[in-house]
């Protein structure tokens, strides 16, 4: 979100007394440049609840996150959490505290960023090679995903079904937003480099042979 748009959003929410939940779990996975300042840094009225997590940067199974907000809201949320699950795993919290209080976390995240940069380049090169005639996309600045717009008339639903039959999982844009029917989201964060290239090649073959 552009800086001016971020300022407008904060001003509007302050004026209308609307809370903002800022989900910033991918903040430490920006690849090319430092991430922009969070909305929370512009919040002088307590409107923004800021969320972070270790589940994207450290381990999917380490379900430890945090929230930054006004004291009254945090106390209420803590009370609700206690009623629901009696608190998060003590062992997980101790592990998280060890990582965050040492140099281990920063070293790990630096390594993850380097690997993601290689994986992103591999995916983008394969997209340029195989899907340039059939789709458009923007280069993500970080994270695990590339959003791809499939050109008409090929339908994303048919692409999803045929790709799944070949063991390739893509996420149709429609599961994230109602008007994203021609978009798919692919991940370069987990599959091997060879499988990333193979999967994108297979998507191209499906579209070509429609």
C-alpha atoms as a PDB file:
ATOM      1  CA  UNK A   1       0.000   0.000   0.000  1.00  0.00           C
ATOM      2  CA  UNK A   2       1.427   3.372  -1.016  1.00  0.00           C
ATOM      3  CA  UNK A   3       2.389   5.801   1.745  1.00  0.00           C
ATOM      4  CA  UNK A   4      -0.323   8.322   0.863  1.00  0.00           C
ATOM      5  CA  UNK A   5      -2.969   5.586   0.862  1.00  0.00           C
ATOM      6  CA  UNK A   6      -1.767   4.348   4.249  1.00  0.00           C
ATOM      7  CA  UNK A   7      -2.076   7.851   5.696  1.00  0.00           C
ATOM      8  CA  UNK A   8      -5.581   8.205   4.232  1.00  0.00           C
ATOM      9  CA  UNK A   9      -6.615   4.873   5.732  1.00  0.00           C
ATOM     10  CA  UNK A  10      -5.400   5.826   9.199  1.00  0.00           C
ATOM     11  CA  UNK A  11      -7.072   9.248   9.010  1.00  0.00           C
ATOM     12  CA  UNK A  12     -10.372   7.728   7.908  1.00  0.00           C
ATOM     13  CA  UNK A  13     -10.345   5.076  10.635  1.00  0.00           C
ATOM     14  CA  UNK A  14      -9.555   7.657  13.314  1.00  0.00           C
ATOM     15  CA  UNK A  15     -12.358   9.891  12.065  1.00  0.00           C
ATOM     16  CA  UNK A  16     -14.896   7.072  11.935  1.00  0.00           C
ATOM     17  CA  UNK A  17     -13.540   5.364  15.085  1.00  0.00           C
ATOM     18  CA  UNK A  18     -12.895   2.120  13.216  1.00  0.00           C
ATOM     19  CA  UNK A  19     -10.337  -0.377  14.513  1.00  0.00           C
ATOM     20  CA  UNK A  20      -7.690  -1.751  12.146  1.00  0.00           C
ATOM     21  CA  UNK A  21      -6.247  -5.248  12.451  1.00  0.00           C
ATOM     22  CA  UNK A  22      -2.797  -5.153  10.852  1.00  0.00           C
ATOM     23  CA  UNK A  23      -1.634  -8.680  10.005  1.00  0.00           C
ATOM     24  CA  UNK A  24       2.132  -8.327   9.444  1.00  0.00           C
ATOM     25  CA  UNK A  25       3.306 -11.945   9.666  1.00  0.00           C
ATOM     26  CA  UNK A  26       5.417 -11.652   6.493  1.00  0.00           C
ATOM     27  CA  UNK A  27       7.252  -8.515   7.598  1.00  0.00           C
ATOM     28  CA  UNK A  28      10.616 -10.235   8.121  1.00  0.00           C
ATOM     29  CA  UNK A  29      10.410 -11.948   4.721  1.00  0.00           C
ATOM     30  CA  UNK A  30      10.787  -8.874   2.505  1.00  0.00           C
ATOM     31  CA  UNK A  31      13.503  -9.798   0.027  1.00  0.00           C
ATOM     32  CA  UNK A  32      14.717  -6.758  -1.919  1.00  0.00           C
ATOM     33  CA  UNK A  33      14.277  -3.834   0.459  1.00  0.00           C
ATOM     34  CA  UNK A  34      13.396  -3.201   4.090  1.00  0.00           C
ATOM     35  CA  UNK A  35       9.630  -3.371   4.651  1.00  0.00           C
ATOM     36  CA  UNK A  36       7.621  -0.156   4.962  1.00  0.00           C
ATOM     37  CA  UNK A  37       6.793   1.166   8.391  1.00  0.00           C
ATOM     38  CA  UNK A  38       3.747  -0.645   9.822  1.00  0.00           C
ATOM     39  CA  UNK A  39       0.470   1.202  10.128  1.00  0.00           C
ATOM     40  CA  UNK A  40       0.942   0.844  13.873  1.00  0.00           C
ATOM     41  CA  UNK A  41       3.844   3.305  13.660  1.00  0.00           C
ATOM     42  CA  UNK A  42       1.356   5.931  12.432  1.00  0.00           C
ATOM     43  CA  UNK A  43      -1.239   5.124  15.093  1.00  0.00           C
ATOM     44  CA  UNK A  44      -1.504   7.782  17.809  1.00  0.00           C
ATOM     45  CA  UNK A  45      -5.077   7.011  18.847  1.00  0.00           C
ATOM     46  CA  UNK A  46      -4.972   3.294  19.636  1.00  0.00           C
ATOM     47  CA  UNK A  47      -6.975   2.278  16.545  1.00  0.00           C
ATOM     48  CA  UNK A  48      -4.517  -0.326  15.219  1.00  0.00           C
ATOM     49  CA  UNK A  49      -4.107  -3.843  16.567  1.00  0.00           C
ATOM     50  CA  UNK A  50      -0.767  -5.096  15.243  1.00  0.00           C
ATOM     51  CA  UNK A  51      -0.231  -8.862  14.739  1.00  0.00           C
ATOM     52  CA  UNK A  52       2.997 -10.800  14.218  1.00  0.00           C
ATOM     53  CA  UNK A  53       3.981 -14.470  14.261  1.00  0.00           C
ATOM     54  CA  UNK A  54       6.875 -16.924  14.097  1.00  0.00           C
ATOM     55  CA  UNK A  55       4.856 -19.430  12.059  1.00  0.00           C
ATOM     56  CA  UNK A  56       6.013 -17.992   8.692  1.00  0.00           C
ATOM     57  CA  UNK A  57       9.624 -17.156   9.486  1.00  0.00           C
ATOM     58  CA  UNK A  58      10.735 -19.839  11.929  1.00  0.00           C
ATOM     59  CA  UNK A  59       8.488 -22.898  11.840  1.00  0.00           C
ATOM     60  CA  UNK A  60       4.865 -23.527  10.762  1.00  0.00           C
ATOM     61  CA  UNK A  61       4.424 -25.723  13.832  1.00  0.00           C
ATOM     62  CA  UNK A  62       5.594 -23.036  16.259  1.00  0.00           C
ATOM     63  CA  UNK A  63       2.227 -21.381  16.761  1.00  0.00           C
ATOM     64  CA  UNK A  64       3.526 -18.364  18.641  1.00  0.00           C
ATOM     65  CA  UNK A  65       2.368 -14.883  17.741  1.00  0.00           C
ATOM     66  CA  UNK A  66       1.890 -11.519  19.373  1.00  0.00           C
ATOM     67  CA  UNK A  67      -0.429  -8.568  19.341  1.00  0.00           C
ATOM     68  CA  UNK A  68       0.292  -4.899  20.064  1.00  0.00           C
ATOM     69  CA  UNK A  69      -2.578  -2.671  21.118  1.00  0.00           C
ATOM     70  CA  UNK A  70      -3.930  -0.498  23.880  1.00  0.00           C
ATOM     71  CA  UNK A  71      -3.755  -1.939  27.388  1.00  0.00           C
ATOM     72  CA  UNK A  72      -7.528  -2.208  27.815  1.00  0.00           C
ATOM     73  CA  UNK A  73      -7.916  -4.184  24.571  1.00  0.00           C
ATOM     74  CA  UNK A  74      -4.971  -6.475  25.327  1.00  0.00           C
ATOM     75  CA  UNK A  75      -6.320  -7.214  28.818  1.00  0.00           C
ATOM     76  CA  UNK A  76      -9.715  -8.123  27.366  1.00  0.00           C
ATOM     77  CA  UNK A  77      -8.193 -10.344  24.684  1.00  0.00           C
ATOM     78  CA  UNK A  78      -5.951 -12.049  27.264  1.00  0.00           C
ATOM     79  CA  UNK A  79      -9.017 -12.789  29.362  1.00  0.00           C
ATOM     80  CA  UNK A  80     -10.845 -14.261  26.357  1.00  0.00           C
ATOM     81  CA  UNK A  81      -7.853 -16.410  25.436  1.00  0.00           C
ATOM     82  CA  UNK A  82      -7.590 -17.736  28.971  1.00  0.00           C
ATOM     83  CA  UNK A  83     -11.251 -18.736  28.856  1.00  0.00           C
ATOM     84  CA  UNK A  84     -10.791 -20.499  25.521  1.00  0.00           C
ATOM     85  CA  UNK A  85      -7.520 -22.434  25.852  1.00  0.00           C
ATOM     86  CA  UNK A  86      -5.772 -21.557  29.161  1.00  0.00           C
ATOM     87  CA  UNK A  87      -2.831 -20.007  27.312  1.00  0.00           C
ATOM     88  CA  UNK A  88      -0.277 -21.020  24.706  1.00  0.00           C
ATOM     89  CA  UNK A  89       2.254 -23.837  25.090  1.00  0.00           C
ATOM     90  CA  UNK A  90       4.874 -22.953  27.702  1.00  0.00           C
ATOM     91  CA  UNK A  91       7.535 -24.947  25.852  1.00  0.00           C
ATOM     92  CA  UNK A  92       6.803 -23.102  22.585  1.00  0.00           C
ATOM     93  CA  UNK A  93       7.010 -19.762  24.371  1.00  0.00           C
ATOM     94  CA  UNK A  94      10.370 -20.713  25.908  1.00  0.00           C
ATOM     95  CA  UNK A  95      11.681 -21.728  22.471  1.00  0.00           C
ATOM     96  CA  UNK A  96      10.451 -18.443  20.982  1.00  0.00           C
ATOM     97  CA  UNK A  97      12.035 -16.435  23.811  1.00  0.00           C
ATOM     98  CA  UNK A  98      15.382 -18.177  23.239  1.00  0.00           C
ATOM     99  CA  UNK A  99      15.350 -17.472  19.502  1.00  0.00           C
ATOM    100  CA  UNK A 100      14.313 -13.839  19.864  1.00  0.00           C
ATOM    101  CA  UNK A 101      16.725 -13.007  22.702  1.00  0.00           C
ATOM    102  CA  UNK A 102      19.767 -14.357  20.825  1.00  0.00           C
ATOM    103  CA  UNK A 103      21.301 -13.809  17.379  1.00  0.00           C
ATOM    104  CA  UNK A 104      19.793 -17.074  16.132  1.00  0.00           C
ATOM    105  CA  UNK A 105      16.592 -15.545  14.804  1.00  0.00           C
ATOM    106  CA  UNK A 106      18.266 -12.790  12.774  1.00  0.00           C
ATOM    107  CA  UNK A 107      20.773 -15.274  11.301  1.00  0.00           C
ATOM    108  CA  UNK A 108      17.975 -17.676  10.420  1.00  0.00           C
ATOM    109  CA  UNK A 109      15.775 -15.041   8.794  1.00  0.00           C
ATOM    110  CA  UNK A 110      18.720 -13.750   6.760  1.00  0.00           C
ATOM    111  CA  UNK A 111      19.299 -17.262   5.441  1.00  0.00           C
ATOM    112  CA  UNK A 112      15.593 -17.684   4.663  1.00  0.00           C
ATOM    113  CA  UNK A 113      15.565 -14.438   2.677  1.00  0.00           C
ATOM    114  CA  UNK A 114      18.539 -15.601   0.596  1.00  0.00           C
ATOM    115  CA  UNK A 115      16.830 -18.919  -0.190  1.00  0.00           C
ATOM    116  CA  UNK A 116      13.537 -17.192  -1.025  1.00  0.00           C
ATOM    117  CA  UNK A 117      15.353 -14.850  -3.413  1.00  0.00           C
ATOM    118  CA  UNK A 118      16.729 -17.869  -5.321  1.00  0.00           C
ATOM    119  CA  UNK A 119      13.345 -19.597  -5.345  1.00  0.00           C
ATOM    120  CA  UNK A 120      11.552 -16.467  -6.511  1.00  0.00           C
ATOM    121  CA  UNK A 121      14.067 -16.001  -9.337  1.00  0.00           C
ATOM    122  CA  UNK A 122      13.588 -19.617 -10.399  1.00  0.00           C
ATOM    123  CA  UNK A 123       9.803 -19.220 -10.472  1.00  0.00           C
ATOM    124  CA  UNK A 124       9.939 -15.902 -12.344  1.00  0.00           C
ATOM    125  CA  UNK A 125      12.370 -17.283 -14.932  1.00  0.00           C
ATOM    126  CA  UNK A 126      10.060 -20.248 -15.518  1.00  0.00           C
ATOM    127  CA  UNK A 127       7.049 -17.951 -15.818  1.00  0.00           C
ATOM    128  CA  UNK A 128       8.879 -15.799 -18.378  1.00  0.00           C
ATOM    129  CA  UNK A 129       9.892 -18.890 -20.332  1.00  0.00           C
ATOM    130  CA  UNK A 130       6.594 -20.776 -20.334  1.00  0.00           C
ATOM    131  CA  UNK A 131       3.651 -18.540 -19.418  1.00  0.00           C
ATOM    132  CA  UNK A 132       4.510 -15.170 -20.922  1.00  0.00           C
ATOM    133  CA  UNK A 133       1.951 -15.600 -23.731  1.00  0.00           C
ATOM    134  CA  UNK A 134      -0.836 -16.770 -21.451  1.00  0.00           C
ATOM    135  CA  UNK A 135      -0.561 -14.757 -18.233  1.00  0.00           C
ATOM    136  CA  UNK A 136       0.698 -11.607 -16.541  1.00  0.00           C
ATOM    137  CA  UNK A 137       2.114 -11.128 -13.062  1.00  0.00           C
ATOM    138  CA  UNK A 138       3.985  -8.698 -10.836  1.00  0.00           C
ATOM    139  CA  UNK A 139       7.240  -9.420  -9.030  1.00  0.00           C
ATOM    140  CA  UNK A 140       6.522  -9.886  -5.318  1.00  0.00           C
ATOM    141  CA  UNK A 141       8.732  -7.905  -2.957  1.00  0.00           C
ATOM    142  CA  UNK A 142       8.825 -10.738  -0.445  1.00  0.00           C
ATOM    143  CA  UNK A 143       6.890 -13.606   1.069  1.00  0.00           C
ATOM    144  CA  UNK A 144       6.169 -16.963  -0.581  1.00  0.00           C
ATOM    145  CA  UNK A 145       3.680 -16.241  -3.354  1.00  0.00           C
ATOM    146  CA  UNK A 146       3.236 -14.900  -6.884  1.00  0.00           C
ATOM    147  CA  UNK A 147      -0.178 -13.713  -8.062  1.00  0.00           C
ATOM    148  CA  UNK A 148      -0.764 -14.599 -11.720  1.00  0.00           C
ATOM    149  CA  UNK A 149      -3.539 -13.312 -13.973  1.00  0.00           C
ATOM    150  CA  UNK A 150      -4.525 -15.903 -16.556  1.00  0.00           C
ATOM    151  CA  UNK A 151      -5.552 -14.288 -19.821  1.00  0.00           C
ATOM    152  CA  UNK A 152      -8.998 -15.058 -21.181  1.00  0.00           C
ATOM    153  CA  UNK A 153     -10.567 -17.209 -22.486  1.00  0.00           C
ATOM    154  CA  UNK A 154      -8.938 -19.971 -20.391  1.00  0.00           C
ATOM    155  CA  UNK A 155     -10.881 -20.432 -17.159  1.00  0.00           C
ATOM    156  CA  UNK A 156      -9.083 -20.703 -13.837  1.00  0.00           C
ATOM    157  CA  UNK A 157     -11.546 -23.331 -12.564  1.00  0.00           C
ATOM    158  CA  UNK A 158     -10.630 -25.621 -15.450  1.00  0.00           C
ATOM    159  CA  UNK A 159      -6.938 -24.914 -14.937  1.00  0.00           C
ATOM    160  CA  UNK A 160      -7.259 -25.773 -11.238  1.00  0.00           C
ATOM    161  CA  UNK A 161      -8.981 -29.078 -11.975  1.00  0.00           C
ATOM    162  CA  UNK A 162      -6.539 -30.164 -14.677  1.00  0.00           C
ATOM    163  CA  UNK A 163      -3.519 -29.109 -12.617  1.00  0.00           C
ATOM    164  CA  UNK A 164      -4.801 -31.004  -9.579  1.00  0.00           C
ATOM    165  CA  UNK A 165      -5.193 -34.133 -11.736  1.00  0.00           C
ATOM    166  CA  UNK A 166      -1.445 -33.842 -12.451  1.00  0.00           C
ATOM    167  CA  UNK A 167      -0.601 -33.417  -8.770  1.00  0.00           C
ATOM    168  CA  UNK A 168      -0.115 -29.638  -8.966  1.00  0.00           C
ATOM    169  CA  UNK A 169      -1.930 -27.517  -6.407  1.00  0.00           C
ATOM    170  CA  UNK A 170      -2.711 -23.900  -7.297  1.00  0.00           C
ATOM    171  CA  UNK A 171      -4.955 -21.558  -5.370  1.00  0.00           C
ATOM    172  CA  UNK A 172      -7.665 -19.833  -7.427  1.00  0.00           C
ATOM    173  CA  UNK A 173      -7.958 -16.136  -6.659  1.00  0.00           C
ATOM    174  CA  UNK A 174     -11.691 -16.523  -6.077  1.00  0.00           C
ATOM    175  CA  UNK A 175     -11.081 -18.185  -2.709  1.00  0.00           C
ATOM    176  CA  UNK A 176      -9.486 -14.938  -1.502  1.00  0.00           C
ATOM    177  CA  UNK A 177     -11.675 -12.309  -3.184  1.00  0.00           C
ATOM    178  CA  UNK A 178     -14.987 -12.520  -4.995  1.00  0.00           C
ATOM    179  CA  UNK A 179     -13.812 -10.696  -8.126  1.00  0.00           C
ATOM    180  CA  UNK A 180     -10.500 -12.526  -8.618  1.00  0.00           C
ATOM    181  CA  UNK A 181     -11.796 -15.118 -11.033  1.00  0.00           C
ATOM    182  CA  UNK A 182      -8.879 -14.953 -13.504  1.00  0.00           C
ATOM    183  CA  UNK A 183      -6.134 -15.038 -10.887  1.00  0.00           C
ATOM    184  CA  UNK A 184      -4.184 -17.890  -9.349  1.00  0.00           C
ATOM    185  CA  UNK A 185      -1.649 -17.847  -6.531  1.00  0.00           C
ATOM    186  CA  UNK A 186       1.409 -20.082  -6.680  1.00  0.00           C
ATOM    187  CA  UNK A 187       3.956 -20.640  -3.935  1.00  0.00           C
ATOM    188  CA  UNK A 188       7.722 -20.806  -4.421  1.00  0.00           C
ATOM    189  CA  UNK A 189       8.391 -21.299  -0.704  1.00  0.00           C
ATOM    190  CA  UNK A 190       8.296 -25.088  -0.342  1.00  0.00           C
ATOM    191  CA  UNK A 191       8.708 -27.065  -3.580  1.00  0.00           C
ATOM    192  CA  UNK A 192      12.177 -27.919  -4.900  1.00  0.00           C
ATOM    193  CA  UNK A 193      13.614 -25.740  -7.653  1.00  0.00           C
ATOM    194  CA  UNK A 194      13.108 -28.538 -10.185  1.00  0.00           C
ATOM    195  CA  UNK A 195       9.477 -28.987  -9.138  1.00  0.00           C
ATOM    196  CA  UNK A 196       8.831 -25.248  -9.371  1.00  0.00           C
ATOM    197  CA  UNK A 197      10.050 -25.260 -12.987  1.00  0.00           C
ATOM    198  CA  UNK A 198       8.229 -28.490 -13.782  1.00  0.00           C
ATOM    199  CA  UNK A 199       4.962 -27.272 -12.266  1.00  0.00           C
ATOM    200  CA  UNK A 200       4.986 -24.017 -14.235  1.00  0.00           C
ATOM    201  CA  UNK A 201       5.827 -25.911 -17.425  1.00  0.00           C
ATOM    202  CA  UNK A 202       2.856 -28.228 -16.808  1.00  0.00           C
ATOM    203  CA  UNK A 203       0.551 -25.236 -16.316  1.00  0.00           C
ATOM    204  CA  UNK A 204       1.704 -23.921 -19.679  1.00  0.00           C
ATOM    205  CA  UNK A 205       1.005 -27.291 -21.342  1.00  0.00           C
ATOM    206  CA  UNK A 206      -2.498 -27.414 -19.864  1.00  0.00           C
ATOM    207  CA  UNK A 207      -3.308 -23.945 -21.213  1.00  0.00           C
ATOM    208  CA  UNK A 208      -1.754 -24.615 -24.639  1.00  0.00           C
ATOM    209  CA  UNK A 209      -3.669 -27.868 -25.054  1.00  0.00           C
ATOM    210  CA  UNK A 210      -7.045 -26.595 -23.883  1.00  0.00           C
END
